[in-house]
Amino acid sequence: MSTTDGIKEKAAVKRVINALHEHGLKSEVHVLSDSARTAQEAATALGIEVGQIASSLIFKLADDSPLLIITSPSC
């Protein structure tokens, strides 16, 4: 059994897929079978440039509002 089996069945992944569709975004969730611990590994696995990879961090501020930070390794 692969470590990627069932990933798309997880509740969190389903919420993302549903939110994308609800907002009319045509997208596909790709589950990588190889390691993607770095932006370069993810880019290689997807066959894209490393500058096309983005990382996101979400923090909950003191007033309970969210702060989303999106970074790119090419910045």
C-alpha atoms as a PDB file:
ATOM      1  CA  MET A   1       0.000   0.000   0.000  1.00  0.00           C
ATOM      2  CA  SER A   2       1.370   3.418  -1.006  1.00  0.00           C
ATOM      3  CA  THR A   3       1.634   6.272   1.505  1.00  0.00           C
ATOM      4  CA  THR A   4      -0.424   8.337  -0.971  1.00  0.00           C
ATOM      5  CA  ASP A   5      -3.385   5.918  -0.923  1.00  0.00           C
ATOM      6  CA  GLY A   6      -6.485   7.579   0.458  1.00  0.00           C
ATOM      7  CA  ILE A   7      -5.013  11.087   0.731  1.00  0.00           C
ATOM      8  CA  LYS A   8      -7.846  12.578  -1.332  1.00  0.00           C
ATOM      9  CA  GLU A   9     -10.359  10.922   1.011  1.00  0.00           C
ATOM     10  CA  LYS A  10      -9.131  12.827   4.068  1.00  0.00           C
ATOM     11  CA  ALA A  11     -11.617  15.413   5.371  1.00  0.00           C
ATOM     12  CA  ALA A  12      -9.176  18.344   5.107  1.00  0.00           C
ATOM     13  CA  VAL A  13      -8.320  17.533   1.485  1.00  0.00           C
ATOM     14  CA  LYS A  14     -12.001  17.161   0.615  1.00  0.00           C
ATOM     15  CA  ARG A  15     -12.687  20.605   2.154  1.00  0.00           C
ATOM     16  CA  VAL A  16     -10.012  22.179  -0.055  1.00  0.00           C
ATOM     17  CA  ILE A  17     -11.300  20.437  -3.194  1.00  0.00           C
ATOM     18  CA  ASN A  18     -14.888  21.484  -2.407  1.00  0.00           C
ATOM     19  CA  ALA A  19     -13.877  25.097  -1.694  1.00  0.00           C
ATOM     20  CA  LEU A  20     -12.003  25.305  -5.004  1.00  0.00           C
ATOM     21  CA  HIS A  21     -15.018  23.994  -6.913  1.00  0.00           C
ATOM     22  CA  GLU A  22     -17.468  26.226  -5.004  1.00  0.00           C
ATOM     23  CA  HIS A  23     -15.441  29.251  -6.097  1.00  0.00           C
ATOM     24  CA  GLY A  24     -15.447  28.127  -9.716  1.00  0.00           C
ATOM     25  CA  LEU A  25     -11.751  27.304  -9.808  1.00  0.00           C
ATOM     26  CA  LYS A  26     -10.773  24.551 -12.191  1.00  0.00           C
ATOM     27  CA  SER A  27      -8.021  22.757 -10.357  1.00  0.00           C
ATOM     28  CA  GLU A  28      -6.692  19.344  -9.535  1.00  0.00           C
ATOM     29  CA  VAL A  29      -5.075  18.078  -6.354  1.00  0.00           C
ATOM     30  CA  HIS A  30      -1.846  16.236  -7.119  1.00  0.00           C
ATOM     31  CA  VAL A  31      -0.584  13.706  -4.599  1.00  0.00           C
ATOM     32  CA  LEU A  32       3.147  13.180  -4.926  1.00  0.00           C
ATOM     33  CA  SER A  33       4.486   9.682  -4.410  1.00  0.00           C
ATOM     34  CA  ASP A  34       8.054  10.889  -3.889  1.00  0.00           C
ATOM     35  CA  SER A  35       9.440  13.178  -1.211  1.00  0.00           C
ATOM     36  CA  ALA A  36       8.709  16.860  -1.589  1.00  0.00           C
ATOM     37  CA  ARG A  37      10.419  18.265   1.474  1.00  0.00           C
ATOM     38  CA  THR A  38      11.861  21.126  -0.538  1.00  0.00           C
ATOM     39  CA  ALA A  39      10.471  23.421  -3.203  1.00  0.00           C
ATOM     40  CA  GLN A  40      12.960  21.942  -5.674  1.00  0.00           C
ATOM     41  CA  GLU A  41      11.772  18.387  -4.970  1.00  0.00           C
ATOM     42  CA  ALA A  42       8.130  19.443  -5.429  1.00  0.00           C
ATOM     43  CA  ALA A  43       8.908  21.299  -8.665  1.00  0.00           C
ATOM     44  CA  THR A  44      10.821  18.333 -10.042  1.00  0.00           C
ATOM     45  CA  ALA A  45       8.002  15.923  -9.153  1.00  0.00           C
ATOM     46  CA  LEU A  46       5.443  18.178 -10.886  1.00  0.00           C
ATOM     47  CA  GLY A  47       7.624  18.986 -13.883  1.00  0.00           C
ATOM     48  CA  ILE A  48       7.542  22.733 -13.268  1.00  0.00           C
ATOM     49  CA  GLU A  49       9.983  25.508 -12.376  1.00  0.00           C
ATOM     50  CA  VAL A  50      10.812  26.015  -8.705  1.00  0.00           C
ATOM     51  CA  GLY A  51       9.524  29.604  -8.974  1.00  0.00           C
ATOM     52  CA  GLN A  52       6.035  28.213  -9.568  1.00  0.00           C
ATOM     53  CA  ILE A  53       5.998  26.650  -6.101  1.00  0.00           C
ATOM     54  CA  ALA A  54       4.433  28.594  -3.221  1.00  0.00           C
ATOM     55  CA  SER A  55       4.350  27.839   0.481  1.00  0.00           C
ATOM     56  CA  SER A  56       1.665  29.106   2.805  1.00  0.00           C
ATOM     57  CA  LEU A  57       1.573  29.708   6.531  1.00  0.00           C
ATOM     58  CA  ILE A  58      -1.566  30.624   8.480  1.00  0.00           C
ATOM     59  CA  PHE A  59      -1.319  32.213  11.898  1.00  0.00           C
ATOM     60  CA  LYS A  60      -4.084  33.062  14.343  1.00  0.00           C
ATOM     61  CA  LEU A  61      -3.525  36.576  15.695  1.00  0.00           C
ATOM     62  CA  ALA A  62      -4.264  37.762  19.235  1.00  0.00           C
ATOM     63  CA  ASP A  63      -7.684  39.091  18.115  1.00  0.00           C
ATOM     64  CA  ASP A  64      -8.466  35.637  16.598  1.00  0.00           C
ATOM     65  CA  SER A  65      -8.209  36.934  13.030  1.00  0.00           C
ATOM     66  CA  PRO A  66      -6.189  34.873  10.557  1.00  0.00           C
ATOM     67  CA  LEU A  67      -2.961  35.997   8.897  1.00  0.00           C
ATOM     68  CA  LEU A  68      -2.026  34.207   5.660  1.00  0.00           C
ATOM     69  CA  ILE A  69       1.538  34.432   4.394  1.00  0.00           C
ATOM     70  CA  ILE A  70       2.396  33.060   0.950  1.00  0.00           C
ATOM     71  CA  THR A  71       6.054  32.772   0.004  1.00  0.00           C
ATOM     72  CA  SER A  72       7.955  31.653  -3.061  1.00  0.00           C
ATOM     73  CA  PRO A  73      11.507  30.293  -3.097  1.00  0.00           C
ATOM     74  CA  SER A  74      12.287  32.667  -5.961  1.00  0.00           C
ATOM     75  CA  CYS A  75      11.569  35.803  -3.881  1.00  0.00           C
END
